[in-house]
Amino acid sequence: MSASPAVRSLRAAVFAAVCVLLAAAGHGLATGATPPLWADGAGFLVVFGTGWLLGGRERSLSGIGAAMLATQTGLHLGFDLARPRAGMAMAGMTHMSGHGMTPMRQTQAMTPHAVAAHVVAALVAAWWLRRGEAALWSLLRWSKPLANSSKNGENFCWAAGVL
């Protein structure tokens, strides 16, 4: 059974919201400032698009977990690039190094604590999303026979993309 565009969109929106909110909250706790709203929105759109493309069938826990880990890594890097830098008040500011003028850039290092936090958060969220995934697909499989027996069930299943 494959998912309709409506079901794919719903699944992708939930996945994107969980990923972006989790990453933004983690960055808020780690850096003291949440990513800018435009970065949250851009991250949501990228994750939503990817989730929609991959959302044609039911995914396993390992598939969702791998997607969560990759997404958390990408969002971490994207939010780090979008984070305002205190030393970057003037565009093009540079500092002297042993090899000449280099742009000032301070990145949020992937410390062992940050990596552990991302992995634990991604695995917990993946487990939670897998439970929702299993419930949704169970509901869609259950509703298919209902569509064959009643006109109202057919309307529901057509909207859900079961038929």
Foldseek 3Di string as FASTA:
>chain_A
DWWDLVQLLVLQQVLLVLLLVLLQVVCCVVPVDGFDPVLSVVLSVVSSVVSSVPRTDQDDLVVQLVSQLVSSVVSLVSSQVRDDDPVCPDPPDWDQDPVGTDRDDDTDDCDVVNSVSSNVSSSVVSVVSNVVSVVLVVVLVVLPVVLVVDVVSVVVNVSRVSD
